[in-house]
Amino acid sequence: MKARRLLISSVVQGYEDRRSAAAEAISALGVEPVFAKNPRGRADAPRRAASKTLFSRCGAVVGIYGQRYGRTGSESDVSPTEEEYDRAREHFKPIFAFIDGMAEGDLEPRQKNFLELVHDWDVGARRRVFHSLAELQRLIREALTERDLSSRYGKFLDRLNQEPDLKAQRYRKESKPFVPGFDLILHSPARHITTWMAGYIIVIDGDLYDRDQLSSAVDNWRTELPRLIATRLPKVRLTFSKVLIVVDDNPHGHRARVLRRSPSKFAVDFFDEILVDLRRARVDLPPGQDFAYHSLKDVLEDLLADHFTT
């Protein structure tokens, strides 16, 4: 686990034992557990505290979600737990969700809706159900240790983020990515290409997700594009997204065509799928996309040749 501090997010009342167990498991890994404080009993204080600790100190969120939704405060109609989840998504922080199977009874209506949101946005690799405190600790240890990036993949992300050819095209790291699962999003704003077209390079770990999970993550991205354009990029008329599916060990056996080709819900969204095999230092495109003027493919091949050939 690369993060040195993790935010533990849950309701407080009645969850003291879960929170303590989670903190003990996290500390045993050499990572500092952080809780959102609530001074003087103010219901809206966790929002400000969580915002400060999560975004300036914490690299990820461990969410422990049970039957109760939690109280809402004066600043928002959502619970602190849901707001912490939303903020983590907005700031592209990994979210490790642990669903409480210890208690009996029905979910509160709002908690049911919240857990459906977690299910929809989590592409499947970071959500687990526990039935005892010992199991919660074991699942936390497994979740936090299995996600370490391979040395090649971490190096690839760093190199891509600093690639001079992409910087020349005005690609910069997106400061507020809005879909979990992606490890890097580079954005070339519309004003730097034309007045009406924006570009994205999206990187996701093909070793971590199977075909259905990868397709789900990309579909979520495409569904969110209209909201992004409506709120942040009013001049945009077209978006071009390059989805880089990066494999090293490739346990799922991904080939050039990984994603399901579902129809876009957004008429002005176009995306190319590119498989980057770090172990073989190879870049592959699905049939029909391997055209001569695909400049990103050339950039990636040069990057691999310079830094990843063994």
Protein backbone atom coordinates (compact mmCIF):
# COMPACT_ATOMS: atom_id res chain seq x y z
CA MET A 1 0.00 0.00 0.00
CA LYS A 2 1.56 3.28 -1.11
CA ALA A 3 -0.48 5.60 1.16
CA ARG A 4 1.07 6.34 4.54
CA ARG A 5 -2.22 7.55 6.07
CA LEU A 6 -5.74 6.20 5.57
CA LEU A 7 -9.04 7.77 6.54
CA ILE A 8 -11.41 5.37 8.35
CA SER A 9 -14.94 6.35 7.37
CA SER A 10 -18.03 5.00 9.13
CA VAL A 11 -20.83 5.99 11.47
CA VAL A 12 -19.44 6.49 14.97
CA GLN A 13 -22.13 5.46 17.43
CA GLY A 14 -22.18 1.70 17.88
CA TYR A 15 -19.22 1.21 15.57
CA GLU A 16 -16.43 1.80 18.05
CA ASP A 17 -15.35 -1.86 17.89
CA ARG A 18 -15.25 -1.92 14.07
CA ARG A 19 -13.29 1.31 13.93
CA SER A 20 -10.80 0.12 16.55
CA ALA A 21 -10.34 -3.21 14.76
CA ALA A 22 -9.76 -1.42 11.45
CA ALA A 23 -7.27 0.98 13.02
CA GLU A 24 -5.36 -1.92 14.58
CA ALA A 25 -5.12 -3.75 11.24
CA ILE A 26 -4.02 -0.62 9.40
CA SER A 27 -1.41 0.29 12.02
CA ALA A 28 0.04 -3.23 11.84
CA LEU A 29 0.90 -2.53 8.19
CA GLY A 30 2.89 0.56 9.12
CA VAL A 31 0.14 2.91 7.90
CA GLU A 32 -1.40 5.61 10.09
CA PRO A 33 -5.19 5.40 10.55
CA VAL A 34 -6.96 8.77 10.61
CA PHE A 35 -10.45 9.53 11.88
CA ALA A 36 -12.55 12.59 11.09
CA LYS A 37 -12.96 14.43 14.35
CA ASN A 38 -16.22 15.95 15.56
CA PRO A 39 -15.39 18.63 18.12
CA ARG A 40 -18.10 19.88 20.47
CA GLY A 41 -20.62 17.46 18.98
CA ARG A 42 -21.32 19.56 15.87
CA ALA A 43 -22.98 17.46 13.18
CA ASP A 44 -21.38 19.37 10.31
CA ALA A 45 -17.84 19.34 11.72
CA PRO A 46 -16.85 15.94 10.21
CA ARG A 47 -17.21 17.41 6.73
CA ARG A 48 -14.59 20.09 7.28
CA ALA A 49 -12.31 17.76 9.23
CA ALA A 50 -12.60 15.00 6.64
CA SER A 51 -11.90 17.44 3.83
CA LYS A 52 -8.72 18.61 5.54
CA THR A 53 -7.38 15.20 6.57
CA LEU A 54 -8.45 13.28 3.47
CA PHE A 55 -7.09 15.62 0.85
CA SER A 56 -3.99 16.94 2.55
CA ARG A 57 -2.90 13.91 4.57
CA CYS A 58 -4.65 10.70 3.51
CA GLY A 59 -4.01 8.67 0.39
CA ALA A 60 -7.10 6.45 0.52
CA VAL A 61 -10.33 5.71 2.39
CA VAL A 62 -11.32 2.59 4.33
CA GLY A 63 -15.11 2.69 4.46
CA ILE A 64 -16.98 0.46 6.93
CA TYR A 65 -20.63 0.47 5.94
CA GLY A 66 -23.47 -1.13 7.89
CA GLN A 67 -27.21 -0.77 8.37
CA ARG A 68 -27.36 2.83 9.54
CA TYR A 69 -26.98 5.82 7.28
CA GLY A 70 -25.92 8.29 9.97
CA ARG A 71 -27.05 11.78 10.85
CA THR A 72 -26.94 14.65 8.41
CA GLY A 73 -25.66 18.11 9.30
CA SER A 74 -26.53 21.69 8.61
CA GLU A 75 -24.21 22.02 5.61
CA SER A 76 -25.57 19.11 3.59
CA ASP A 77 -28.46 16.65 3.43
CA VAL A 78 -26.09 13.68 3.15
CA SER A 79 -24.31 11.88 5.97
CA PRO A 80 -20.62 12.52 6.69
CA THR A 81 -19.89 8.96 5.56
CA GLU A 82 -21.47 9.47 2.15
CA GLU A 83 -19.84 12.86 1.75
CA GLU A 84 -16.43 11.38 2.54
CA TYR A 85 -17.09 8.75 -0.13
CA ASP A 86 -18.11 11.42 -2.66
CA ARG A 87 -15.07 13.56 -1.91
CA ALA A 88 -12.76 10.59 -2.26
CA ARG A 89 -14.24 9.84 -5.69
CA GLU A 90 -13.92 13.44 -6.79
CA HIS A 91 -10.27 13.54 -5.75
CA PHE A 92 -9.46 10.11 -7.18
CA LYS A 93 -8.57 8.55 -3.83
CA PRO A 94 -8.79 4.75 -3.65
CA ILE A 95 -11.81 3.55 -1.67
CA PHE A 96 -11.73 0.20 0.13
CA ALA A 97 -15.33 -0.63 1.07
CA PHE A 98 -16.10 -3.18 3.80
CA ILE A 99 -19.76 -4.10 4.17
CA ASP A 100 -20.88 -5.12 7.68
CA GLY A 101 -22.49 -8.55 7.73
CA MET A 102 -22.38 -8.90 11.52
CA ALA A 103 -25.64 -7.19 12.48
CA GLU A 104 -29.14 -8.46 11.77
CA GLY A 105 -32.01 -6.38 10.46
CA ASP A 106 -32.87 -4.32 7.43
CA LEU A 107 -30.87 -1.46 5.99
CA GLU A 108 -32.17 2.02 6.54
CA PRO A 109 -33.66 3.31 3.24
CA ARG A 110 -30.99 5.95 2.70
CA GLN A 111 -28.22 3.52 3.58
CA LYS A 112 -29.62 1.06 1.05
CA ASN A 113 -29.44 3.77 -1.62
CA PHE A 114 -25.91 4.67 -0.56
CA LEU A 115 -24.70 1.07 -0.73
CA GLU A 116 -26.21 0.77 -4.20
CA LEU A 117 -24.12 3.80 -5.15
CA VAL A 118 -21.00 2.12 -3.74
CA HIS A 119 -21.85 -1.02 -5.71
CA ASP A 120 -22.38 0.92 -8.95
CA TRP A 121 -19.17 2.94 -8.75
CA ASP A 122 -16.86 0.34 -7.31
CA VAL A 123 -15.82 -1.83 -10.26
CA GLY A 124 -15.54 -4.85 -8.00
CA ALA A 125 -11.98 -5.16 -6.73
CA ARG A 126 -12.22 -3.17 -3.49
CA ARG A 127 -15.54 -4.18 -1.93
CA ARG A 128 -15.77 -7.00 0.65
CA VAL A 129 -18.28 -8.29 3.22
CA PHE A 130 -17.16 -9.22 6.77
CA HIS A 131 -18.95 -11.26 9.45
CA SER A 132 -16.60 -10.81 12.41
CA LEU A 133 -14.00 -8.33 13.63
CA ALA A 134 -11.26 -10.85 12.91
CA GLU A 135 -12.51 -11.22 9.36
CA LEU A 136 -12.66 -7.43 8.96
CA GLN A 137 -9.01 -7.19 9.99
CA ARG A 138 -7.98 -10.00 7.66
CA LEU A 139 -9.83 -8.43 4.72
CA ILE A 140 -8.27 -5.05 5.41
CA ARG A 141 -4.79 -6.58 5.45
CA GLU A 142 -5.45 -8.41 2.19
CA ALA A 143 -6.97 -5.36 0.49
CA LEU A 144 -4.19 -2.98 1.44
CA THR A 145 -1.31 -5.29 0.60
CA GLU A 146 -2.54 -6.70 -2.72
CA ARG A 147 -2.92 -3.32 -4.41
CA ASP A 148 0.77 -2.38 -4.48
CA LEU A 149 1.60 -1.27 -8.00
CA SER A 150 4.16 -3.34 -9.81
CA SER A 151 7.44 -1.52 -10.21
CA ARG A 152 6.97 -1.44 -13.98
CA TYR A 153 3.43 -0.05 -13.75
CA GLY A 154 4.40 2.64 -11.25
CA LYS A 155 7.33 3.62 -13.47
CA PHE A 156 5.04 3.72 -16.51
CA LEU A 157 2.60 6.10 -14.79
CA ASP A 158 5.44 8.42 -13.80
CA ARG A 159 6.96 8.40 -17.29
CA LEU A 160 3.62 8.97 -18.99
CA ASN A 161 2.80 11.88 -16.72
CA GLN A 162 6.13 13.49 -17.65
CA GLU A 163 6.17 12.55 -21.35
CA PRO A 164 7.45 15.63 -23.31
CA ASP A 165 5.46 14.81 -26.46
CA LEU A 166 2.22 14.81 -24.47
CA LYS A 167 3.10 17.99 -22.62
CA ALA A 168 3.68 19.60 -26.00
CA GLN A 169 0.08 18.71 -26.83
CA ARG A 170 -1.01 20.42 -23.59
CA TYR A 171 -1.87 17.19 -21.79
CA ARG A 172 -1.78 17.65 -18.03
CA LYS A 173 -2.76 15.46 -15.10
CA GLU A 174 -6.45 15.89 -14.36
CA SER A 175 -6.75 17.41 -10.88
CA LYS A 176 -10.25 16.08 -10.15
CA PRO A 177 -10.90 12.79 -11.93
CA PHE A 178 -14.43 11.57 -11.28
CA VAL A 179 -14.41 7.82 -11.92
CA PRO A 180 -12.76 5.39 -9.49
CA GLY A 181 -10.55 2.68 -10.91
CA PHE A 182 -8.40 4.89 -13.15
CA ASP A 183 -4.83 5.40 -11.97
CA LEU A 184 -4.07 8.42 -14.15
CA ILE A 185 -6.12 10.81 -16.29
CA LEU A 186 -4.37 13.29 -18.58
CA HIS A 187 -6.51 16.08 -19.96
CA SER A 188 -5.90 18.41 -22.89
CA PRO A 189 -8.47 21.21 -22.53
CA ALA A 190 -10.52 22.35 -25.48
CA ARG A 191 -8.95 25.81 -25.58
CA HIS A 192 -5.54 24.21 -26.21
CA ILE A 193 -6.62 22.12 -29.19
CA THR A 194 -9.47 24.01 -30.75
CA THR A 195 -12.37 25.92 -29.26
CA TRP A 196 -14.59 22.85 -29.39
CA MET A 197 -12.65 19.59 -28.88
CA ALA A 198 -11.10 18.18 -25.68
CA GLY A 199 -8.86 15.15 -25.26
CA TYR A 200 -8.30 12.64 -22.45
CA ILE A 201 -5.78 9.87 -21.86
CA ILE A 202 -7.12 7.42 -19.26
CA VAL A 203 -4.94 4.74 -17.64
CA ILE A 204 -6.30 1.69 -15.83
CA ASP A 205 -4.59 -1.41 -14.43
CA GLY A 206 -5.48 -4.43 -16.54
CA ASP A 207 -3.88 -6.77 -14.01
CA LEU A 208 -6.38 -5.71 -11.35
CA TYR A 209 -9.65 -5.88 -13.31
CA ASP A 210 -11.24 -8.43 -15.60
CA ARG A 211 -12.95 -7.61 -18.88
CA ASP A 212 -16.39 -6.90 -17.42
CA GLN A 213 -14.97 -4.67 -14.68
CA LEU A 214 -12.87 -2.71 -17.17
CA SER A 215 -15.89 -2.22 -19.41
CA SER A 216 -17.99 -1.11 -16.46
CA ALA A 217 -15.40 1.47 -15.42
CA VAL A 218 -15.19 2.92 -18.93
CA ASP A 219 -18.99 2.96 -19.28
CA ASN A 220 -19.18 4.94 -16.03
CA TRP A 221 -16.66 7.40 -17.46
CA ARG A 222 -18.69 7.87 -20.63
CA THR A 223 -21.87 8.33 -18.64
CA GLU A 224 -20.24 11.08 -16.59
CA LEU A 225 -18.87 13.04 -19.54
CA PRO A 226 -22.06 15.05 -20.16
CA ARG A 227 -21.99 16.27 -16.56
CA LEU A 228 -18.34 17.25 -16.85
CA ILE A 229 -18.91 19.17 -20.05
CA ALA A 230 -22.05 20.87 -18.79
CA THR A 231 -20.39 22.09 -15.61
CA ARG A 232 -16.78 22.72 -16.58
CA LEU A 233 -16.24 22.82 -20.34
CA PRO A 234 -19.09 24.76 -21.95
CA LYS A 235 -17.21 25.30 -25.22
CA VAL A 236 -16.62 21.59 -25.85
CA ARG A 237 -18.50 19.90 -28.65
CA LEU A 238 -16.38 16.75 -29.02
CA THR A 239 -14.28 14.68 -26.63
CA PHE A 240 -11.70 12.08 -27.60
CA SER A 241 -10.66 9.62 -24.88
CA LYS A 242 -7.73 7.23 -25.22
CA VAL A 243 -8.19 4.34 -22.79
CA LEU A 244 -4.84 2.73 -21.93
CA ILE A 245 -5.30 -0.74 -20.43
CA VAL A 246 -1.89 -1.55 -18.95
CA VAL A 247 -0.84 -5.11 -18.13
CA ASP A 248 2.30 -6.53 -16.57
CA ASP A 249 1.61 -10.06 -15.32
CA ASN A 250 -1.74 -10.02 -17.23
CA PRO A 251 -3.54 -12.63 -15.05
CA HIS A 252 -6.81 -12.13 -16.97
CA GLY A 253 -5.21 -12.82 -20.35
CA HIS A 254 -6.26 -9.51 -21.90
CA ARG A 255 -5.69 -9.07 -25.61
CA ALA A 256 -5.97 -6.04 -27.86
CA ARG A 257 -9.76 -5.95 -27.75
CA VAL A 258 -10.64 -5.95 -24.05
CA LEU A 259 -13.64 -3.65 -23.70
CA ARG A 260 -17.21 -4.38 -24.63
CA ARG A 261 -18.16 -2.05 -27.48
CA SER A 262 -21.39 -0.78 -26.01
CA PRO A 263 -23.09 2.18 -27.70
CA SER A 264 -22.12 5.53 -26.23
CA LYS A 265 -24.83 7.36 -24.30
CA PHE A 266 -23.10 10.57 -25.30
CA ALA A 267 -23.16 11.38 -29.01
CA VAL A 268 -20.00 13.51 -29.00
CA ASP A 269 -17.78 11.05 -27.13
CA PHE A 270 -15.21 9.01 -29.04
CA PHE A 271 -12.63 6.72 -27.52
CA ASP A 272 -9.79 4.49 -28.63
CA GLU A 273 -8.72 1.41 -26.69
CA ILE A 274 -5.01 0.68 -26.39
CA LEU A 275 -3.45 -2.34 -24.66
CA VAL A 276 0.00 -1.63 -23.20
CA ASP A 277 1.97 -4.76 -22.28
CA LEU A 278 4.82 -3.67 -20.02
CA ARG A 279 6.48 -7.07 -19.71
CA ARG A 280 6.68 -7.47 -23.50
CA ALA A 281 7.23 -3.71 -24.12
CA ARG A 282 4.44 -3.82 -26.68
CA VAL A 283 1.49 -1.59 -27.67
CA ASP A 284 -1.55 -3.16 -29.36
CA LEU A 285 -4.76 -1.71 -30.76
CA PRO A 286 -7.91 -3.66 -31.66
CA PRO A 287 -8.51 -4.37 -35.36
CA GLY A 288 -9.74 -1.27 -37.10
CA GLN A 289 -7.95 1.14 -34.78
CA ASP A 290 -4.38 0.45 -35.86
CA PHE A 291 -4.07 3.29 -38.35
CA ALA A 292 -0.79 4.90 -39.36
CA TYR A 293 -1.40 8.33 -37.87
CA HIS A 294 -2.23 7.13 -34.33
CA SER A 295 0.27 9.46 -32.66
CA LEU A 296 -0.26 8.19 -29.11
CA LYS A 297 0.65 4.65 -30.14
CA ASP A 298 3.94 5.99 -31.52
CA VAL A 299 4.61 7.92 -28.30
CA LEU A 300 3.93 4.83 -26.18
CA GLU A 301 6.15 2.61 -28.32
CA ASP A 302 9.01 5.07 -28.01
CA LEU A 303 8.46 5.33 -24.24
CA LEU A 304 8.54 1.56 -23.83
CA ALA A 305 11.59 1.19 -26.03
CA ASP A 306 13.47 3.80 -23.99
CA HIS A 307 12.54 2.67 -20.50
CA PHE A 308 10.93 -0.77 -20.43
CA THR A 309 12.84 -3.05 -22.78
CA THR A 310 14.44 -5.82 -20.75
